[in-house]
Protein backbone atom coordinates (compact mmCIF):
# COMPACT_ATOMS: atom_id res chain seq x y z
CA MET A 1 -97.82 -18.53 -30.92
CA GLY A 2 -94.02 -16.63 -31.37
CA GLY A 3 -91.82 -18.14 -33.40
CA PRO A 4 -88.86 -20.17 -32.34
CA SER A 5 -86.95 -16.67 -32.41
CA ASP A 6 -89.41 -15.27 -30.58
CA PRO A 7 -89.06 -14.65 -26.46
CA PRO A 8 -91.51 -16.71 -24.32
CA GLU A 9 -93.96 -13.95 -24.31
CA GLY A 10 -94.17 -12.70 -27.39
CA THR A 11 -92.48 -10.28 -29.02
CA PRO A 12 -91.56 -6.91 -26.90
CA GLU A 13 -93.71 -4.05 -27.13
CA GLY A 14 -92.05 -0.64 -29.42
CA ALA A 15 -89.59 -3.91 -31.03
CA PRO A 16 -89.68 -4.46 -34.84
CA GLY A 17 -91.10 -7.59 -35.79
CA GLY A 18 -90.18 -10.78 -38.20
CA GLY A 19 -87.01 -9.90 -39.44
CA GLU A 20 -86.43 -6.74 -39.87
CA ASP A 21 -84.20 -6.37 -36.77
CA GLU A 22 -80.91 -8.30 -37.76
CA TYR A 23 -80.12 -8.56 -33.83
CA GLY A 24 -83.69 -9.55 -32.99
CA SER A 25 -82.40 -12.83 -32.09
CA VAL A 26 -79.93 -12.12 -29.79
CA VAL A 27 -82.26 -9.14 -27.86
CA PHE A 28 -83.45 -10.99 -23.99
CA ASP A 29 -85.85 -9.20 -22.25
CA GLU A 30 -87.11 -9.46 -18.76
CA SER A 31 -88.90 -12.64 -19.58
CA PHE A 32 -86.46 -14.16 -21.10
CA VAL A 33 -83.69 -13.96 -17.73
CA ARG A 34 -86.79 -14.95 -15.75
CA ALA A 35 -87.33 -17.97 -17.96
CA ALA A 36 -83.35 -18.35 -17.92
CA ARG A 37 -82.75 -21.60 -15.16
CA LEU A 38 -79.57 -20.83 -12.87
CA ARG A 39 -78.04 -23.69 -11.09
CA GLU A 40 -75.27 -23.71 -8.73
CA TYR A 41 -73.41 -26.83 -8.07
CA SER A 42 -73.10 -28.34 -4.39
CA ALA A 43 -69.24 -28.33 -2.98
CA ARG A 44 -69.59 -32.03 -3.60
CA GLU A 45 -70.96 -32.07 -7.04
CA ARG A 46 -68.00 -29.20 -7.70
CA ILE A 47 -65.11 -32.01 -5.83
CA THR A 48 -66.87 -35.17 -7.56
CA ASP A 49 -68.03 -33.65 -11.19
CA HIS A 50 -65.46 -31.04 -12.27
CA ALA A 51 -61.95 -29.90 -12.01
CA PRO A 52 -60.06 -28.48 -8.66
CA ALA A 53 -59.49 -25.34 -8.42
CA VAL A 54 -55.95 -25.27 -8.25
CA ARG A 55 -54.06 -26.78 -11.24
CA ARG A 56 -51.41 -29.82 -10.33
CA SER A 57 -47.99 -28.79 -11.93
CA PRO A 58 -47.02 -31.68 -14.07
CA PRO A 59 -44.45 -34.08 -12.63
CA LEU A 60 -41.08 -33.58 -13.09
CA ARG A 61 -38.74 -36.12 -15.54
CA ARG A 62 -36.84 -38.08 -13.52
CA GLY A 63 -33.57 -37.68 -14.54
CA GLY A 64 -33.88 -34.13 -15.55
CA LEU A 65 -33.28 -30.79 -14.42
CA SER A 66 -36.11 -28.25 -14.09
CA ARG A 67 -35.79 -24.76 -15.32
CA GLN A 68 -35.36 -22.53 -12.19
CA ALA A 69 -32.03 -25.45 -11.02
CA LEU A 70 -31.26 -25.00 -14.68
CA VAL A 71 -30.69 -20.88 -14.30
CA LEU A 72 -29.30 -21.29 -11.24
CA VAL A 73 -26.71 -23.26 -11.99
CA LEU A 74 -25.69 -20.87 -15.35
CA LEU A 75 -26.38 -18.23 -12.70
CA ILE A 76 -23.60 -19.81 -11.07
CA ALA A 77 -21.45 -20.51 -14.04
CA VAL A 78 -21.57 -16.70 -14.73
CA ALA A 79 -20.18 -15.35 -11.36
CA PHE A 80 -17.07 -18.08 -11.47
CA GLY A 81 -16.43 -16.73 -14.77
CA THR A 82 -16.56 -13.28 -13.73
CA ALA A 83 -14.91 -14.10 -10.64
CA VAL A 84 -11.86 -15.28 -12.65
CA TYR A 85 -11.70 -12.80 -15.37
CA LEU A 86 -11.19 -10.07 -12.76
CA GLY A 87 -9.05 -11.94 -10.54
CA VAL A 88 -6.59 -12.19 -13.87
CA ARG A 89 -7.50 -8.70 -14.89
CA SER A 90 -7.16 -7.08 -11.07
CA PRO A 91 -5.02 -3.83 -10.86
CA TYR A 92 -3.15 -5.10 -8.05
CA ARG A 93 -2.03 -8.30 -10.37
CA THR A 94 2.15 -6.85 -11.64
CA PRO A 95 1.08 -6.08 -15.64
CA ALA A 96 3.16 -8.48 -17.52
CA GLY A 97 5.79 -5.84 -18.94
CA ALA A 98 6.30 -4.66 -16.10
CA GLU A 99 10.06 -4.34 -15.81
CA PRO A 100 11.25 -5.98 -12.21
CA ALA A 101 12.69 -3.70 -9.57
CA GLU A 102 16.31 -3.27 -9.54
CA PRO A 103 18.67 -4.10 -6.58
CA LEU A 104 19.24 -1.80 -3.92
CA ARG A 105 22.86 -0.19 -4.41
CA ALA A 106 24.80 1.07 -1.71
CA THR A 107 27.77 2.75 -0.09
CA VAL A 108 28.96 3.39 3.79
CA VAL A 109 31.22 5.75 4.35
CA PRO A 110 32.80 5.15 7.92
CA LEU A 111 34.23 8.81 8.70
CA ALA A 112 37.27 8.41 11.41
CA PRO A 113 37.68 12.02 13.80
CA ARG A 114 41.09 13.81 14.14
CA GLY A 115 41.35 13.55 18.02
CA GLU A 116 38.97 13.06 20.96
CA VAL A 117 35.27 12.87 20.16
CA PRO A 118 33.95 16.43 22.46
CA GLY A 119 31.02 15.10 24.66
CA THR A 120 29.17 16.84 27.40
CA THR A 121 25.56 16.50 30.36
CA ASP A 122 23.73 18.82 28.18
CA VAL A 123 22.73 17.97 25.07
CA GLU A 124 21.09 21.10 24.55
CA ARG A 125 23.94 23.09 24.90
CA LEU A 126 25.93 20.24 22.53
CA TYR A 127 23.75 21.37 20.01
CA ALA A 128 23.84 24.76 20.02
CA ARG A 129 27.79 24.81 19.83
CA SER A 130 27.64 22.19 16.80
CA PRO A 131 26.47 22.98 13.07
CA ALA A 132 22.82 21.09 13.70
CA ALA A 133 22.02 24.64 15.78
CA PRO A 134 19.65 25.58 12.88
CA PHE A 135 18.72 22.16 11.91
CA ASN A 136 15.34 21.07 12.77
CA THR A 137 13.38 18.45 14.93
CA GLY A 138 11.83 15.04 14.01
CA ALA A 139 10.28 14.95 10.60
CA ASP A 140 9.53 18.89 10.47
CA GLY A 141 13.32 19.14 9.18
CA VAL A 142 11.89 16.80 6.54
CA PRO A 143 9.48 19.09 4.08
CA LEU A 144 7.93 17.99 1.06
CA PRO A 145 9.56 20.92 -1.61
CA ALA A 146 6.90 22.57 -4.04
CA SER A 147 5.66 20.30 -6.51
CA ARG A 148 3.73 20.18 -10.62
CA SER A 149 3.45 18.09 -12.42
CA THR A 150 4.99 16.69 -14.93
CA ALA A 151 4.48 15.28 -18.96
CA HIS A 152 3.35 12.03 -17.95
CA PHE A 153 2.34 12.20 -13.95
CA SER A 154 0.42 15.03 -12.35
CA ASP A 155 1.10 16.63 -9.47
CA SER A 156 -1.50 14.44 -6.95
CA GLN A 157 0.99 11.96 -8.35
CA VAL A 158 4.37 14.05 -8.27
CA VAL A 159 2.85 14.93 -4.01
CA THR A 160 2.56 10.77 -3.62
CA ALA A 161 5.58 10.25 -3.91
CA LEU A 162 7.58 12.96 -2.57
CA LEU A 163 5.45 12.14 0.54
CA THR A 164 6.57 8.29 0.08
CA ALA A 165 10.09 9.69 -0.32
CA LYS A 166 9.54 11.24 3.44
CA ASP A 167 7.72 8.67 4.67
CA TYR A 168 10.60 6.30 4.43
CA LEU A 169 13.18 8.87 5.08
CA VAL A 170 11.17 8.69 8.39
CA ARG A 171 10.79 5.52 9.46
CA SER A 172 13.96 4.31 8.79
CA SER A 173 16.51 7.64 10.22
CA LEU A 174 13.74 8.69 13.35
CA ASP A 175 11.63 5.73 14.53
CA PRO A 176 13.13 4.66 17.78
CA GLY A 177 12.25 1.17 17.09
CA VAL A 178 14.36 1.39 14.18
CA LEU A 179 17.29 3.01 15.68
CA THR A 180 18.06 1.17 19.08
CA GLY A 181 16.15 -2.19 17.78
CA ASP A 182 15.50 -4.58 15.64
CA GLU A 183 12.36 -2.96 14.10
CA THR A 184 12.46 -3.50 10.43
CA ARG A 185 8.85 -4.14 9.50
CA PRO A 186 7.60 -0.27 9.33
CA VAL A 187 10.89 0.31 7.02
CA ARG A 188 9.77 -3.15 4.46
CA MET A 189 5.89 -2.00 3.87
CA LEU A 190 6.85 0.85 2.30
CA LEU A 191 9.56 -0.80 -0.24
CA ASP A 192 7.90 -2.01 -3.70
CA SER A 193 7.72 -5.72 -3.15
CA GLY A 194 9.95 -6.87 -5.93
CA GLN A 195 12.71 -5.61 -3.39
CA HIS A 196 11.64 -8.07 -0.10
CA GLY A 197 14.31 -11.20 -1.04
CA GLN A 198 16.87 -8.77 -1.08
CA PHE A 199 16.25 -6.64 1.95
CA ASP A 200 15.52 -10.30 3.88
CA ARG A 201 18.85 -11.15 2.69
CA SER A 202 20.18 -8.43 4.24
CA PHE A 203 19.44 -8.45 7.48
CA ASP A 204 19.55 -12.43 7.52
CA ARG A 205 22.78 -12.29 6.35
CA PRO A 206 24.19 -9.58 5.67
CA ALA A 207 27.72 -9.23 3.54
CA ALA A 208 29.52 -6.15 2.62
CA ASP A 209 28.84 -6.43 -1.08
CA GLY A 210 26.82 -3.54 -2.03
CA ARG A 211 23.97 -5.09 -2.02
CA HIS A 212 23.19 -6.62 1.11
CA ALA A 213 24.07 -4.39 4.36
CA PRO A 214 21.41 -3.40 7.04
CA THR A 215 23.28 -0.05 7.05
CA GLY A 216 22.62 1.03 3.48
CA TRP A 217 18.79 0.64 3.63
CA LEU A 218 17.86 1.93 7.38
CA VAL A 219 19.92 3.48 10.43
CA ARG A 220 20.32 1.67 13.32
CA PHE A 221 23.02 1.34 15.96
CA ASP A 222 24.51 -1.39 18.22
CA PRO A 223 21.78 -1.25 21.72
CA SER A 224 24.39 -2.78 23.99
CA ARG A 225 27.03 -0.18 23.18
CA VAL A 226 24.92 3.44 22.33
CA GLU A 227 21.58 4.45 23.40
CA LEU A 228 19.84 7.86 22.55
CA ALA A 229 20.37 10.34 25.21
CA ASP A 230 17.92 12.68 23.15
CA PRO A 231 14.57 11.38 21.06
CA GLY A 232 14.20 15.03 19.58
CA ILE A 233 17.10 14.47 16.54
CA ARG A 234 18.56 17.66 14.57
CA VAL A 235 16.94 17.04 10.41
CA ARG A 236 18.49 18.93 7.30
CA GLY A 237 17.77 18.23 3.94
CA THR A 238 16.11 18.25 0.28
CA MET A 239 13.95 16.63 -1.80
CA ARG A 240 14.02 16.65 -5.43
CA ALA A 241 11.31 14.83 -8.12
CA ALA A 242 11.94 14.16 -11.61
CA GLU A 243 10.36 12.42 -14.67
CA ALA A 244 12.82 9.52 -15.70
CA ASP A 245 10.74 8.21 -18.37
CA ALA A 246 7.32 8.02 -19.43
CA ALA A 247 6.56 4.97 -17.13
CA THR A 248 8.91 6.78 -14.67
CA LEU A 249 9.34 8.69 -12.11
CA GLU A 250 12.58 9.33 -9.86
CA VAL A 251 13.09 11.41 -6.58
CA THR A 252 16.43 11.81 -4.73
CA THR A 253 16.97 12.83 -1.55
CA ASP A 254 19.85 14.20 0.45
CA HIS A 255 19.52 14.51 4.27
CA THR A 256 22.26 14.86 7.12
CA PHE A 257 20.95 13.71 10.60
CA VAL A 258 22.40 13.94 13.96
CA TYR A 259 21.42 11.96 16.88
CA ALA A 260 22.40 12.81 20.62
CA VAL A 261 23.94 9.43 21.57
CA ARG A 262 25.27 7.94 24.70
CA PRO A 263 27.02 4.38 26.70
CA ALA A 264 24.20 2.12 26.55
CA GLY A 265 22.46 1.94 30.45
CA ALA A 266 25.01 4.52 31.58
CA GLY A 267 21.96 7.34 32.34
CA ARG A 268 21.97 11.20 32.64
CA ASP A 269 25.01 11.62 34.47
CA ALA A 270 27.12 9.79 31.74
CA GLU A 271 28.70 11.99 28.96
CA ALA A 272 26.54 12.65 24.95
CA SER A 273 28.15 13.25 22.20
CA LEU A 274 26.87 14.12 18.64
CA PHE A 275 26.70 11.67 16.17
CA THR A 276 26.35 12.70 12.44
CA VAL A 277 24.84 10.53 9.15
CA ARG A 278 24.08 12.00 6.21
CA ARG A 279 22.03 10.00 3.51
CA GLU A 280 22.18 10.28 -0.24
CA LEU A 281 18.95 8.21 -1.56
CA HIS A 282 17.14 7.62 -4.99
CA PHE A 283 14.44 6.16 -5.29
CA ARG A 284 12.22 5.21 -8.24
CA PHE A 285 8.27 4.52 -9.10
CA ASP A 286 6.25 3.54 -11.34
CA HIS A 287 2.45 3.79 -11.36
CA ASP A 288 1.93 0.44 -9.22
CA ASP A 289 4.33 1.90 -6.42
CA LEU A 290 2.67 4.92 -6.36
CA ARG A 291 -1.10 3.83 -6.29
CA LEU A 292 0.81 1.12 -3.09
CA HIS A 293 2.15 4.07 -1.41
CA GLN A 294 5.24 2.17 -2.09
CA ALA A 295 9.45 3.13 -3.55
CA GLU A 296 12.00 1.08 -4.90
CA LEU A 297 15.44 2.44 -3.49
CA VAL A 298 17.89 2.09 -5.72
CA VAL A 299 20.93 4.42 -4.59
CA ALA A 300 21.89 4.21 -0.63
CA HIS A 301 24.96 6.69 -0.40
CA LEU A 302 25.68 7.51 3.54
CA GLN A 303 28.38 9.01 5.41
CA ALA A 304 28.46 8.81 9.61
CA GLY A 305 30.81 9.90 12.04
CA PRO A 306 32.41 10.23 13.95
CA LEU A 307 33.49 6.64 13.39
CA SER A 308 36.60 3.76 13.32
CA CYS A 309 37.71 2.94 9.95
CA ALA A 310 38.23 -0.52 11.18
CA GLU A 311 34.38 -1.24 12.55
CA ASP A 312 32.48 -3.25 11.33
CA THR A 313 29.79 -0.87 9.21
CA VAL A 314 27.59 -3.27 7.46
CA SER A 315 25.45 -4.62 9.84
CA ARG A 316 25.15 -1.60 12.45
CA LEU A 317 26.51 1.48 13.45
CA ARG A 318 28.98 1.45 16.39
CA PRO A 319 29.31 5.64 16.84
CA LEU A 320 32.76 7.04 19.00
CA LEU A 321 31.37 7.83 22.10
CA ALA A 322 32.73 10.81 24.26
CA GLY A 323 36.27 10.28 24.76
CA ARG A 324 36.99 8.52 22.46
CA THR A 325 39.48 8.38 19.44
CA ALA A 326 39.68 6.42 16.34
CA GLU A 327 40.82 2.96 16.87
CA GLN A 328 44.84 2.76 14.80
CA GLY A 329 43.62 0.86 11.88
CA ALA A 330 42.82 0.40 8.12
CA PRO A 331 39.36 -0.93 6.81
CA PRO A 332 39.15 -3.85 5.52
CA GLY A 333 40.75 -4.49 2.49
CA THR A 334 39.72 -4.55 -1.31
CA ASP A 335 40.36 -7.15 -3.79
CA PRO A 336 40.73 -5.10 -7.38
CA TYR A 337 40.22 -8.78 -9.26
CA THR A 338 36.27 -9.06 -8.26
CA THR A 339 33.44 -7.34 -7.80
CA ASP A 340 32.65 -9.07 -5.79
CA THR A 341 32.96 -5.84 -2.51
CA PRO A 342 33.06 -3.09 -3.15
CA PRO A 343 36.00 -0.66 -2.67
CA ALA A 344 36.89 -0.25 0.77
CA LEU A 345 35.96 3.38 1.74
CA CYS A 346 37.21 5.98 4.70
CA GLY A 347 37.01 9.35 5.73
CA SER A 348 38.42 11.47 8.24
CA LEU A 349 35.92 13.87 10.15
CA ALA A 350 35.96 17.38 9.48
CA PRO A 351 36.56 19.55 12.63
CA ALA A 352 34.43 21.76 11.87
CA ALA A 353 31.39 18.69 12.15
CA GLN A 354 32.26 18.88 15.88
CA PRO A 355 31.16 20.60 18.53
CA LYS A 356 32.96 23.06 20.37
CA LEU A 357 32.56 22.95 24.04
């Protein structure tokens, strides 16, 4: 009979007996396996006597936060902090050290004719017999000059400054809604936001102080007295860009605009005449202006005629039309004891500037 460590039916053949094999006690032969009783618990036994198949999570302690809720709160806090940081560091905000926009200084000089203003119903002939005959029409008369980078501004930034200056000239000198209407938004959108207050005050409360004249910002006629006889405005001029300092790019423009005008509501049978405006503008750009496609208009010098020197040129231009002559009179007086108003200026329109009809 086998010992305590022997299989039920004795030691299998070929297996060393006794304690010669140190692993003999863990060798299970077929008879040992058959002798082992396997019992599968019934469903009821598994339910009543054994642990359920699914572990239950421990109940949440009242008054506390679950781990998921805590993670969610932390994520919200991080997102909020990031939003605040990006808002403070946003590139669309004006840097703390940025200089405020310089106010516009504007001069408007009326040019009075020496005789009667020439006119004709043939607008093409009017242009052909004037110094504006070789001028281009519309925006084609405002070409961009050759550009190149400066010490602190790339070529693309110089081009951006020139394009912005051109857009300003086109919108403020050629847009029909601006010329003979009350539209100002197309021009205002191109200005540095620091100049919006001065711009708005110029149109709300015009003043002949060299700071708040609408005609310094743009060209516009009195629609109750004059209308365009031809939408094809003639233009010629120059543009130049230069670096003022490491943070400032400047563009200067000098353009002559020639308008064919006639009395408002008179129809095509009315005689038209030419009205000439020369605008010399000085724009300034910092890096934010270039990025936002905006500009600071710091100097505007305008000469326009034929005009009467006694006529108000602050709010709107009121050209002398065909067959008219300049009224005798002097421009508004200048008080040398105050600097609130600029010197009153008036010039004479040379006969060579008029069409030879």
